[in-house]
Amino acid sequence: GRLRDKSRRVLEIREVTGYDYESGEIVTSVLYEFLEDGKQKEGRVV
């Protein structure tokens, strides 16, 4: 995705672990997730 500072980042990586027959949904698991620190350095999202 592109953040508000126009930089391109990997925001999330998910593993598709399978299919749940009971719910009928595709099951995924978050492996990595981008989190902001709430700060900016030289106009760039940290």
ModelCIF file with pLDDT and N, C-alpha, C, O atoms, coordinates in Angstrom:
data_MODEL
#
_entry.id   MODEL 
#
_entity.id                         1 
_entity.type                       polymer 
_entity.pdbx_number_of_molecules   1 
#
_entity_poly.entity_id                      1 
_entity_poly.type                           'polypeptide(L)' 
_entity_poly.nstd_linkage                   no 
_entity_poly.nstd_monomer                   no 
_entity_poly.pdbx_seq_one_letter_code       GRLRDKSRRVLEIREVTGYDYESGEIVTSVLYEFLEDGKQKEGRVV 
_entity_poly.pdbx_seq_one_letter_code_can   GRLRDKSRRVLEIREVTGYDYESGEIVTSVLYEFLEDGKQKEGRVV 
_entity_poly.pdbx_strand_id                 A 
#
loop_
_entity_poly_seq.entity_id 
_entity_poly_seq.num 
_entity_poly_seq.mon_id 
_entity_poly_seq.hetero 
1 1  GLY n 
1 2  ARG n 
1 3  LEU n 
1 4  ARG n 
1 5  ASP n 
1 6  LYS n 
1 7  SER n 
1 8  ARG n 
1 9  ARG n 
1 10 VAL n 
1 11 LEU n 
1 12 GLU n 
1 13 ILE n 
1 14 ARG n 
1 15 GLU n 
1 16 VAL n 
1 17 THR n 
1 18 GLY n 
1 19 TYR n 
1 20 ASP n 
1 21 TYR n 
1 22 GLU n 
1 23 SER n 
1 24 GLY n 
1 25 GLU n 
1 26 ILE n 
1 27 VAL n 
1 28 THR n 
1 29 SER n 
1 30 VAL n 
1 31 LEU n 
1 32 TYR n 
1 33 GLU n 
1 34 PHE n 
1 35 LEU n 
1 36 GLU n 
1 37 ASP n 
1 38 GLY n 
1 39 LYS n 
1 40 GLN n 
1 41 LYS n 
1 42 GLU n 
1 43 GLY n 
1 44 ARG n 
1 45 VAL n 
1 46 VAL n 
#
_struct_asym.id          A 
_struct_asym.entity_id   1 
#
loop_
_ma_qa_metric.id 
_ma_qa_metric.mode 
_ma_qa_metric.name 
_ma_qa_metric.software_group_id 
_ma_qa_metric.type 
1 global pLDDT . pLDDT 
2 local  pLDDT . pLDDT 
#
_ma_qa_metric_global.metric_id      1 
_ma_qa_metric_global.metric_value   89.00 
_ma_qa_metric_global.model_id       1 
_ma_qa_metric_global.ordinal_id     1 
#
loop_
_ma_qa_metric_local.label_asym_id 
_ma_qa_metric_local.label_comp_id 
_ma_qa_metric_local.label_seq_id 
_ma_qa_metric_local.metric_id 
_ma_qa_metric_local.metric_value 
_ma_qa_metric_local.model_id 
_ma_qa_metric_local.ordinal_id 
A GLY 1  2 94.00 1 1  
A ARG 2  2 90.00 1 2  
A LEU 3  2 89.00 1 3  
A ARG 4  2 86.00 1 4  
A ASP 5  2 85.00 1 5  
A LYS 6  2 83.00 1 6  
A SER 7  2 87.00 1 7  
A ARG 8  2 91.00 1 8  
A ARG 9  2 94.00 1 9  
A VAL 10 2 96.00 1 10 
A LEU 11 2 96.00 1 11 
A GLU 12 2 96.00 1 12 
A ILE 13 2 96.00 1 13 
A ARG 14 2 96.00 1 14 
A GLU 15 2 96.00 1 15 
A VAL 16 2 95.00 1 16 
A THR 17 2 93.00 1 17 
A GLY 18 2 93.00 1 18 
A TYR 19 2 93.00 1 19 
A ASP 20 2 94.00 1 20 
A TYR 21 2 93.00 1 21 
A GLU 22 2 93.00 1 22 
A SER 23 2 94.00 1 23 
A GLY 24 2 93.00 1 24 
A GLU 25 2 94.00 1 25 
A ILE 26 2 95.00 1 26 
A VAL 27 2 95.00 1 27 
A THR 28 2 95.00 1 28 
A SER 29 2 94.00 1 29 
A VAL 30 2 95.00 1 30 
A LEU 31 2 95.00 1 31 
A TYR 32 2 95.00 1 32 
A GLU 33 2 95.00 1 33 
A PHE 34 2 94.00 1 34 
A LEU 35 2 91.00 1 35 
A GLU 36 2 86.00 1 36 
A ASP 37 2 82.00 1 37 
A GLY 38 2 70.00 1 38 
A LYS 39 2 68.00 1 39 
A GLN 40 2 72.00 1 40 
A LYS 41 2 69.00 1 41 
A GLU 42 2 70.00 1 42 
A GLY 43 2 72.00 1 43 
A ARG 44 2 81.00 1 44 
A VAL 45 2 84.00 1 45 
A VAL 46 2 86.00 1 46 
#
loop_
_atom_site.group_PDB 
_atom_site.id 
_atom_site.type_symbol 
_atom_site.label_atom_id 
_atom_site.label_alt_id 
_atom_site.label_comp_id 
_atom_site.label_asym_id 
_atom_site.label_entity_id 
_atom_site.label_seq_id 
_atom_site.pdbx_PDB_ins_code 
_atom_site.Cartn_x 
_atom_site.Cartn_y 
_atom_site.Cartn_z 
_atom_site.occupancy 
_atom_site.B_iso_or_equiv 
_atom_site.pdbx_formal_charge 
_atom_site.auth_seq_id 
_atom_site.auth_comp_id 
_atom_site.auth_asym_id 
_atom_site.auth_atom_id 
_atom_site.pdbx_PDB_model_num 
ATOM 1   N N  . GLY A 1 1  ? 0.825   -1.205  0.000  1.00 94.00 ? 1  GLY A N  1 
ATOM 2   C CA . GLY A 1 1  ? 0.000   0.000   0.000  1.00 94.00 ? 1  GLY A CA 1 
ATOM 3   C C  . GLY A 1 1  ? 0.858   1.254   0.000  1.00 94.00 ? 1  GLY A C  1 
ATOM 4   O O  . GLY A 1 1  ? 2.064   1.207   0.246  1.00 94.00 ? 1  GLY A O  1 
ATOM 5   N N  . ARG A 1 2  ? 0.208   2.373   -0.281 1.00 90.00 ? 2  ARG A N  1 
ATOM 6   C CA . ARG A 1 2  ? 0.860   3.676   -0.244 1.00 90.00 ? 2  ARG A CA 1 
ATOM 7   C C  . ARG A 1 2  ? 0.345   4.429   0.974  1.00 90.00 ? 2  ARG A C  1 
ATOM 8   O O  . ARG A 1 2  ? -0.860  4.609   1.149  1.00 90.00 ? 2  ARG A O  1 
ATOM 9   N N  . LEU A 1 3  ? 1.281   4.868   1.814  1.00 89.00 ? 3  LEU A N  1 
ATOM 10  C CA . LEU A 1 3  ? 0.913   5.613   3.010  1.00 89.00 ? 3  LEU A CA 1 
ATOM 11  C C  . LEU A 1 3  ? 0.672   7.079   2.652  1.00 89.00 ? 3  LEU A C  1 
ATOM 12  O O  . LEU A 1 3  ? 0.880   7.491   1.511  1.00 89.00 ? 3  LEU A O  1 
ATOM 13  N N  . ARG A 1 4  ? 0.238   7.851   3.625  1.00 86.00 ? 4  ARG A N  1 
ATOM 14  C CA . ARG A 1 4  ? -0.106  9.254   3.362  1.00 86.00 ? 4  ARG A CA 1 
ATOM 15  C C  . ARG A 1 4  ? 1.098   10.093  2.950  1.00 86.00 ? 4  ARG A C  1 
ATOM 16  O O  . ARG A 1 4  ? 0.931   11.171  2.379  1.00 86.00 ? 4  ARG A O  1 
ATOM 17  N N  . ASP A 1 5  ? 2.331   9.604   3.236  1.00 85.00 ? 5  ASP A N  1 
ATOM 18  C CA . ASP A 1 5  ? 3.532   10.307  2.782  1.00 85.00 ? 5  ASP A CA 1 
ATOM 19  C C  . ASP A 1 5  ? 3.943   9.859   1.381  1.00 85.00 ? 5  ASP A C  1 
ATOM 20  O O  . ASP A 1 5  ? 5.020   10.215  0.903  1.00 85.00 ? 5  ASP A O  1 
ATOM 21  N N  . LYS A 1 6  ? 3.076   9.069   0.717  1.00 83.00 ? 6  LYS A N  1 
ATOM 22  C CA . LYS A 1 6  ? 3.254   8.574   -0.649 1.00 83.00 ? 6  LYS A CA 1 
ATOM 23  C C  . LYS A 1 6  ? 4.282   7.445   -0.754 1.00 83.00 ? 6  LYS A C  1 
ATOM 24  O O  . LYS A 1 6  ? 4.578   6.989   -1.859 1.00 83.00 ? 6  LYS A O  1 
ATOM 25  N N  . SER A 1 7  ? 4.824   6.995   0.357  1.00 87.00 ? 7  SER A N  1 
ATOM 26  C CA . SER A 1 7  ? 5.775   5.890   0.319  1.00 87.00 ? 7  SER A CA 1 
ATOM 27  C C  . SER A 1 7  ? 5.039   4.569   0.139  1.00 87.00 ? 7  SER A C  1 
ATOM 28  O O  . SER A 1 7  ? 3.911   4.401   0.601  1.00 87.00 ? 7  SER A O  1 
ATOM 29  N N  . ARG A 1 8  ? 5.698   3.636   -0.539 1.00 91.00 ? 8  ARG A N  1 
ATOM 30  C CA . ARG A 1 8  ? 5.139   2.305   -0.772 1.00 91.00 ? 8  ARG A CA 1 
ATOM 31  C C  . ARG A 1 8  ? 5.720   1.330   0.253  1.00 91.00 ? 8  ARG A C  1 
ATOM 32  O O  . ARG A 1 8  ? 6.937   1.243   0.416  1.00 91.00 ? 8  ARG A O  1 
ATOM 33  N N  . ARG A 1 9  ? 4.850   0.606   0.936  1.00 94.00 ? 9  ARG A N  1 
ATOM 34  C CA . ARG A 1 9  ? 5.305   -0.313  1.984  1.00 94.00 ? 9  ARG A CA 1 
ATOM 35  C C  . ARG A 1 9  ? 4.586   -1.661  1.891  1.00 94.00 ? 9  ARG A C  1 
ATOM 36  O O  . ARG A 1 9  ? 3.471   -1.760  1.380  1.00 94.00 ? 9  ARG A O  1 
ATOM 37  N N  . VAL A 1 10 ? 5.255   -2.682  2.397  1.00 96.00 ? 10 VAL A N  1 
ATOM 38  C CA . VAL A 1 10 ? 4.569   -3.952  2.661  1.00 96.00 ? 10 VAL A CA 1 
ATOM 39  C C  . VAL A 1 10 ? 3.778   -3.758  3.947  1.00 96.00 ? 10 VAL A C  1 
ATOM 40  O O  . VAL A 1 10 ? 4.358   -3.492  5.000  1.00 96.00 ? 10 VAL A O  1 
ATOM 41  N N  . LEU A 1 11 ? 2.476   -3.887  3.868  1.00 96.00 ? 11 LEU A N  1 
ATOM 42  C CA . LEU A 1 11 ? 1.611   -3.603  5.016  1.00 96.00 ? 11 LEU A CA 1 
ATOM 43  C C  . LEU A 1 11 ? 1.209   -4.863  5.787  1.00 96.00 ? 11 LEU A C  1 
ATOM 44  O O  . LEU A 1 11 ? 0.933   -4.811  6.985  1.00 96.00 ? 11 LEU A O  1 
ATOM 45  N N  . GLU A 1 12 ? 1.181   -5.983  5.084  1.00 96.00 ? 12 GLU A N  1 
ATOM 46  C CA . GLU A 1 12 ? 0.729   -7.200  5.758  1.00 96.00 ? 12 GLU A CA 1 
ATOM 47  C C  . GLU A 1 12 ? 1.141   -8.431  4.957  1.00 96.00 ? 12 GLU A C  1 
ATOM 48  O O  . GLU A 1 12 ? 1.150   -8.417  3.726  1.00 96.00 ? 12 GLU A O  1 
ATOM 49  N N  . ILE A 1 13 ? 1.477   -9.484  5.675  1.00 96.00 ? 13 ILE A N  1 
ATOM 50  C CA . ILE A 1 13 ? 1.735   -10.793 5.068  1.00 96.00 ? 13 ILE A CA 1 
ATOM 51  C C  . ILE A 1 13 ? 0.878   -11.812 5.799  1.00 96.00 ? 13 ILE A C  1 
ATOM 52  O O  . ILE A 1 13 ? 0.936   -11.935 7.022  1.00 96.00 ? 13 ILE A O  1 
ATOM 53  N N  . ARG A 1 14 ? 0.089   -12.531 5.032  1.00 96.00 ? 14 ARG A N  1 
ATOM 54  C CA . ARG A 1 14 ? -0.804  -13.534 5.609  1.00 96.00 ? 14 ARG A CA 1 
ATOM 55  C C  . ARG A 1 14 ? -0.536  -14.901 4.994  1.00 96.00 ? 14 ARG A C  1 
ATOM 56  O O  . ARG A 1 14 ? -0.215  -15.023 3.812  1.00 96.00 ? 14 ARG A O  1 
ATOM 57  N N  . GLU A 1 15 ? -0.675  -15.911 5.821  1.00 96.00 ? 15 GLU A N  1 
ATOM 58  C CA . GLU A 1 15 ? -0.643  -17.285 5.335  1.00 96.00 ? 15 GLU A CA 1 
ATOM 59  C C  . GLU A 1 15 ? -2.079  -17.781 5.178  1.00 96.00 ? 15 GLU A C  1 
ATOM 60  O O  . GLU A 1 15 ? -2.903  -17.595 6.073  1.00 96.00 ? 15 GLU A O  1 
ATOM 61  N N  . VAL A 1 16 ? -2.373  -18.397 4.065  1.00 95.00 ? 16 VAL A N  1 
ATOM 62  C CA . VAL A 1 16 ? -3.664  -19.053 3.870  1.00 95.00 ? 16 VAL A CA 1 
ATOM 63  C C  . VAL A 1 16 ? -3.516  -20.469 4.410  1.00 95.00 ? 16 VAL A C  1 
ATOM 64  O O  . VAL A 1 16 ? -2.836  -21.301 3.809  1.00 95.00 ? 16 VAL A O  1 
ATOM 65  N N  . THR A 1 17 ? -4.148  -20.737 5.535  1.00 93.00 ? 17 THR A N  1 
ATOM 66  C CA . THR A 1 17 ? -3.935  -22.010 6.232  1.00 93.00 ? 17 THR A CA 1 
ATOM 67  C C  . THR A 1 17 ? -4.903  -23.108 5.818  1.00 93.00 ? 17 THR A C  1 
ATOM 68  O O  . THR A 1 17 ? -4.651  -24.279 6.102  1.00 93.00 ? 17 THR A O  1 
ATOM 69  N N  . GLY A 1 18 ? -5.998  -22.767 5.159  1.00 93.00 ? 18 GLY A N  1 
ATOM 70  C CA . GLY A 1 18 ? -6.923  -23.801 4.712  1.00 93.00 ? 18 GLY A CA 1 
ATOM 71  C C  . GLY A 1 18 ? -8.361  -23.311 4.631  1.00 93.00 ? 18 GLY A C  1 
ATOM 72  O O  . GLY A 1 18 ? -8.636  -22.112 4.567  1.00 93.00 ? 18 GLY A O  1 
ATOM 73  N N  . TYR A 1 19 ? -9.257  -24.271 4.637  1.00 93.00 ? 19 TYR A N  1 
ATOM 74  C CA . TYR A 1 19 ? -10.682 -23.978 4.503  1.00 93.00 ? 19 TYR A CA 1 
ATOM 75  C C  . TYR A 1 19 ? -11.424 -24.591 5.689  1.00 93.00 ? 19 TYR A C  1 
ATOM 76  O O  . TYR A 1 19 ? -11.245 -25.768 6.001  1.00 93.00 ? 19 TYR A O  1 
ATOM 77  N N  . ASP A 1 20 ? -12.249 -23.795 6.338  1.00 94.00 ? 20 ASP A N  1 
ATOM 78  C CA . ASP A 1 20 ? -13.037 -24.250 7.475  1.00 94.00 ? 20 ASP A CA 1 
ATOM 79  C C  . ASP A 1 20 ? -14.394 -24.751 6.983  1.00 94.00 ? 20 ASP A C  1 
ATOM 80  O O  . ASP A 1 20 ? -15.224 -23.964 6.528  1.00 94.00 ? 20 ASP A O  1 
ATOM 81  N N  . TYR A 1 21 ? -14.616 -26.071 7.076  1.00 93.00 ? 21 TYR A N  1 
ATOM 82  C CA . TYR A 1 21 ? -15.854 -26.659 6.577  1.00 93.00 ? 21 TYR A CA 1 
ATOM 83  C C  . TYR A 1 21 ? -17.069 -26.225 7.383  1.00 93.00 ? 21 TYR A C  1 
ATOM 84  O O  . TYR A 1 21 ? -18.172 -26.162 6.840  1.00 93.00 ? 21 TYR A O  1 
ATOM 85  N N  . GLU A 1 22 ? -16.893 -25.929 8.653  1.00 93.00 ? 22 GLU A N  1 
ATOM 86  C CA . GLU A 1 22 ? -18.027 -25.533 9.493  1.00 93.00 ? 22 GLU A CA 1 
ATOM 87  C C  . GLU A 1 22 ? -18.530 -24.135 9.149  1.00 93.00 ? 22 GLU A C  1 
ATOM 88  O O  . GLU A 1 22 ? -19.731 -23.925 8.985  1.00 93.00 ? 22 GLU A O  1 
ATOM 89  N N  . SER A 1 23 ? -17.614 -23.189 9.043  1.00 94.00 ? 23 SER A N  1 
ATOM 90  C CA . SER A 1 23 ? -18.007 -21.806 8.749  1.00 94.00 ? 23 SER A CA 1 
ATOM 91  C C  . SER A 1 23 ? -18.115 -21.531 7.265  1.00 94.00 ? 23 SER A C  1 
ATOM 92  O O  . SER A 1 23 ? -18.782 -20.582 6.854  1.00 94.00 ? 23 SER A O  1 
ATOM 93  N N  . GLY A 1 24 ? -17.454 -22.369 6.443  1.00 93.00 ? 24 GLY A N  1 
ATOM 94  C CA . GLY A 1 24 ? -17.442 -22.141 4.995  1.00 93.00 ? 24 GLY A CA 1 
ATOM 95  C C  . GLY A 1 24 ? -16.550 -20.991 4.577  1.00 93.00 ? 24 GLY A C  1 
ATOM 96  O O  . GLY A 1 24 ? -16.747 -20.408 3.510  1.00 93.00 ? 24 GLY A O  1 
ATOM 97  N N  . GLU A 1 25 ? -15.555 -20.652 5.417  1.00 94.00 ? 25 GLU A N  1 
ATOM 98  C CA . GLU A 1 25 ? -14.674 -19.524 5.150  1.00 94.00 ? 25 GLU A CA 1 
ATOM 99  C C  . GLU A 1 25 ? -13.240 -19.987 4.915  1.00 94.00 ? 25 GLU A C  1 
ATOM 100 O O  . GLU A 1 25 ? -12.815 -21.038 5.395  1.00 94.00 ? 25 GLU A O  1 
ATOM 101 N N  . ILE A 1 26 ? -12.512 -19.171 4.164  1.00 95.00 ? 26 ILE A N  1 
ATOM 102 C CA . ILE A 1 26 ? -11.077 -19.390 3.991  1.00 95.00 ? 26 ILE A CA 1 
ATOM 103 C C  . ILE A 1 26 ? -10.376 -18.913 5.258  1.00 95.00 ? 26 ILE A C  1 
ATOM 104 O O  . ILE A 1 26 ? -10.636 -17.807 5.731  1.00 95.00 ? 26 ILE A O  1 
ATOM 105 N N  . VAL A 1 27 ? -9.505  -19.723 5.802  1.00 95.00 ? 27 VAL A N  1 
ATOM 106 C CA . VAL A 1 27 ? -8.826  -19.408 7.055  1.00 95.00 ? 27 VAL A CA 1 
ATOM 107 C C  . VAL A 1 27 ? -7.444  -18.838 6.746  1.00 95.00 ? 27 VAL A C  1 
ATOM 108 O O  . VAL A 1 27 ? -6.677  -19.421 5.980  1.00 95.00 ? 27 VAL A O  1 
ATOM 109 N N  . THR A 1 28 ? -7.143  -17.711 7.342  1.00 95.00 ? 28 THR A N  1 
ATOM 110 C CA . THR A 1 28 ? -5.835  -17.092 7.158  1.00 95.00 ? 28 THR A CA 1 
ATOM 111 C C  . THR A 1 28 ? -5.214  -16.760 8.506  1.00 95.00 ? 28 THR A C  1 
ATOM 112 O O  . THR A 1 28 ? -5.906  -16.662 9.520  1.00 95.00 ? 28 THR A O  1 
ATOM 113 N N  . SER A 1 29 ? -3.911  -16.592 8.498  1.00 94.00 ? 29 SER A N  1 
ATOM 114 C CA . SER A 1 29 ? -3.176  -16.254 9.703  1.00 94.00 ? 29 SER A CA 1 
ATOM 115 C C  . SER A 1 29 ? -2.207  -15.127 9.399  1.00 94.00 ? 29 SER A C  1 
ATOM 116 O O  . SER A 1 29 ? -1.411  -15.236 8.466  1.00 94.00 ? 29 SER A O  1 
ATOM 117 N N  . VAL A 1 30 ? -2.257  -14.040 10.170 1.00 95.00 ? 30 VAL A N  1 
ATOM 118 C CA . VAL A 1 30 ? -1.364  -12.901 9.970  1.00 95.00 ? 30 VAL A CA 1 
ATOM 119 C C  . VAL A 1 30 ? 0.029   -13.257 10.463 1.00 95.00 ? 30 VAL A C  1 
ATOM 120 O O  . VAL A 1 30 ? 0.209   -13.634 11.621 1.00 95.00 ? 30 VAL A O  1 
ATOM 121 N N  . LEU A 1 31 ? 1.022   -13.134 9.573  1.00 95.00 ? 31 LEU A N  1 
ATOM 122 C CA . LEU A 1 31 ? 2.408   -13.413 9.938  1.00 95.00 ? 31 LEU A CA 1 
ATOM 123 C C  . LEU A 1 31 ? 3.155   -12.134 10.285 1.00 95.00 ? 31 LEU A C  1 
ATOM 124 O O  . LEU A 1 31 ? 3.866   -12.081 11.289 1.00 95.00 ? 31 LEU A O  1 
ATOM 125 N N  . TYR A 1 32 ? 2.999   -11.104 9.461  1.00 95.00 ? 32 TYR A N  1 
ATOM 126 C CA . TYR A 1 32 ? 3.618   -9.799  9.686  1.00 95.00 ? 32 TYR A CA 1 
ATOM 127 C C  . TYR A 1 32 ? 2.586   -8.717  9.422  1.00 95.00 ? 32 TYR A C  1 
ATOM 128 O O  . TYR A 1 32 ? 1.745   -8.839  8.531  1.00 95.00 ? 32 TYR A O  1 
ATOM 129 N N  . GLU A 1 33 ? 2.667   -7.654  10.215 1.00 95.00 ? 33 GLU A N  1 
ATOM 130 C CA . GLU A 1 33 ? 1.739   -6.533  10.061 1.00 95.00 ? 33 GLU A CA 1 
ATOM 131 C C  . GLU A 1 33 ? 2.474   -5.222  10.290 1.00 95.00 ? 33 GLU A C  1 
ATOM 132 O O  . GLU A 1 33 ? 3.222   -5.090  11.259 1.00 95.00 ? 33 GLU A O  1 
ATOM 133 N N  . PHE A 1 34 ? 2.266   -4.249  9.403  1.00 94.00 ? 34 PHE A N  1 
ATOM 134 C CA . PHE A 1 34 ? 2.900   -2.937  9.542  1.00 94.00 ? 34 PHE A CA 1 
ATOM 135 C C  . PHE A 1 34 ? 2.126   -2.097  10.553 1.00 94.00 ? 34 PHE A C  1 
ATOM 136 O O  . PHE A 1 34 ? 0.908   -1.948  10.458 1.00 94.00 ? 34 PHE A O  1 
ATOM 137 N N  . LEU A 1 35 ? 2.855   -1.555  11.518 1.00 91.00 ? 35 LEU A N  1 
ATOM 138 C CA . LEU A 1 35 ? 2.258   -0.691  12.535 1.00 91.00 ? 35 LEU A CA 1 
ATOM 139 C C  . LEU A 1 35 ? 3.024   0.615   12.597 1.00 91.00 ? 35 LEU A C  1 
ATOM 140 O O  . LEU A 1 35 ? 4.253   0.625   12.661 1.00 91.00 ? 35 LEU A O  1 
ATOM 141 N N  . GLU A 1 36 ? 2.290   1.713   12.578 1.00 86.00 ? 36 GLU A N  1 
ATOM 142 C CA . GLU A 1 36 ? 2.914   3.024   12.703 1.00 86.00 ? 36 GLU A CA 1 
ATOM 143 C C  . GLU A 1 36 ? 3.295   3.308   14.146 1.00 86.00 ? 36 GLU A C  1 
ATOM 144 O O  . GLU A 1 36 ? 2.653   2.832   15.082 1.00 86.00 ? 36 GLU A O  1 
ATOM 145 N N  . ASP A 1 37 ? 4.362   4.100   14.306 1.00 82.00 ? 37 ASP A N  1 
ATOM 146 C CA . ASP A 1 37 ? 4.790   4.522   15.635 1.00 82.00 ? 37 ASP A CA 1 
ATOM 147 C C  . ASP A 1 37 ? 4.122   5.815   16.077 1.00 82.00 ? 37 ASP A C  1 
ATOM 148 O O  . ASP A 1 37 ? 4.354   6.300   17.184 1.00 82.00 ? 37 ASP A O  1 
ATOM 149 N N  . GLY A 1 38 ? 3.289   6.370   15.199 1.00 70.00 ? 38 GLY A N  1 
ATOM 150 C CA . GLY A 1 38 ? 2.622   7.631   15.517 1.00 70.00 ? 38 GLY A CA 1 
ATOM 151 C C  . GLY A 1 38 ? 3.503   8.847   15.372 1.00 70.00 ? 38 GLY A C  1 
ATOM 152 O O  . GLY A 1 38 ? 3.138   9.931   15.827 1.00 70.00 ? 38 GLY A O  1 
ATOM 153 N N  . LYS A 1 39 ? 4.658   8.693   14.748 1.00 68.00 ? 39 LYS A N  1 
ATOM 154 C CA . LYS A 1 39 ? 5.591   9.794   14.575 1.00 68.00 ? 39 LYS A CA 1 
ATOM 155 C C  . LYS A 1 39 ? 5.906   9.982   13.090 1.00 68.00 ? 39 LYS A C  1 
ATOM 156 O O  . LYS A 1 39 ? 5.627   9.117   12.259 1.00 68.00 ? 39 LYS A O  1 
ATOM 157 N N  . GLN A 1 40 ? 6.476   11.104  12.796 1.00 72.00 ? 40 GLN A N  1 
ATOM 158 C CA . GLN A 1 40 ? 6.953   11.397  11.449 1.00 72.00 ? 40 GLN A CA 1 
ATOM 159 C C  . GLN A 1 40 ? 8.383   11.917  11.525 1.00 72.00 ? 40 GLN A C  1 
ATOM 160 O O  . GLN A 1 40 ? 8.714   12.703  12.413 1.00 72.00 ? 40 GLN A O  1 
ATOM 161 N N  . LYS A 1 41 ? 9.226   11.483  10.602 1.00 69.00 ? 41 LYS A N  1 
ATOM 162 C CA . LYS A 1 41 ? 10.595  11.933  10.525 1.00 69.00 ? 41 LYS A CA 1 
ATOM 163 C C  . LYS A 1 41 ? 10.844  12.477  9.133  1.00 69.00 ? 41 LYS A C  1 
ATOM 164 O O  . LYS A 1 41 ? 10.807  11.741  8.146  1.00 69.00 ? 41 LYS A O  1 
ATOM 165 N N  . GLU A 1 42 ? 11.098  13.782  9.065  1.00 70.00 ? 42 GLU A N  1 
ATOM 166 C CA . GLU A 1 42 ? 11.305  14.463  7.783  1.00 70.00 ? 42 GLU A CA 1 
ATOM 167 C C  . GLU A 1 42 ? 10.135  14.247  6.845  1.00 70.00 ? 42 GLU A C  1 
ATOM 168 O O  . GLU A 1 42 ? 10.314  14.020  5.648  1.00 70.00 ? 42 GLU A O  1 
ATOM 169 N N  . GLY A 1 43 ? 8.912   14.319  7.411  1.00 72.00 ? 43 GLY A N  1 
ATOM 170 C CA . GLY A 1 43 ? 7.695   14.171  6.620  1.00 72.00 ? 43 GLY A CA 1 
ATOM 171 C C  . GLY A 1 43 ? 7.355   12.753  6.230  1.00 72.00 ? 43 GLY A C  1 
ATOM 172 O O  . GLY A 1 43 ? 6.396   12.535  5.489  1.00 72.00 ? 43 GLY A O  1 
ATOM 173 N N  . ARG A 1 44 ? 8.114   11.781  6.708  1.00 81.00 ? 44 ARG A N  1 
ATOM 174 C CA . ARG A 1 44 ? 7.911   10.379  6.359  1.00 81.00 ? 44 ARG A CA 1 
ATOM 175 C C  . ARG A 1 44 ? 7.300   9.635   7.535  1.00 81.00 ? 44 ARG A C  1 
ATOM 176 O O  . ARG A 1 44 ? 7.697   9.833   8.684  1.00 81.00 ? 44 ARG A O  1 
ATOM 177 N N  . VAL A 1 45 ? 6.338   8.782   7.241  1.00 84.00 ? 45 VAL A N  1 
ATOM 178 C CA . VAL A 1 45 ? 5.681   7.987   8.269  1.00 84.00 ? 45 VAL A CA 1 
ATOM 179 C C  . VAL A 1 45 ? 6.681   7.006   8.875  1.00 84.00 ? 45 VAL A C  1 
ATOM 180 O O  . VAL A 1 45 ? 7.415   6.329   8.155  1.00 84.00 ? 45 VAL A O  1 
ATOM 181 N N  . VAL A 1 46 ? 6.703   6.936   10.193 1.00 86.00 ? 46 VAL A N  1 
ATOM 182 C CA . VAL A 1 46 ? 7.608   6.033   10.904 1.00 86.00 ? 46 VAL A CA 1 
ATOM 183 C C  . VAL A 1 46 ? 6.823   4.818   11.376 1.00 86.00 ? 46 VAL A C  1 
ATOM 184 O O  . VAL A 1 46 ? 7.389   3.922   12.002 1.00 86.00 ? 46 VAL A O  1 
#
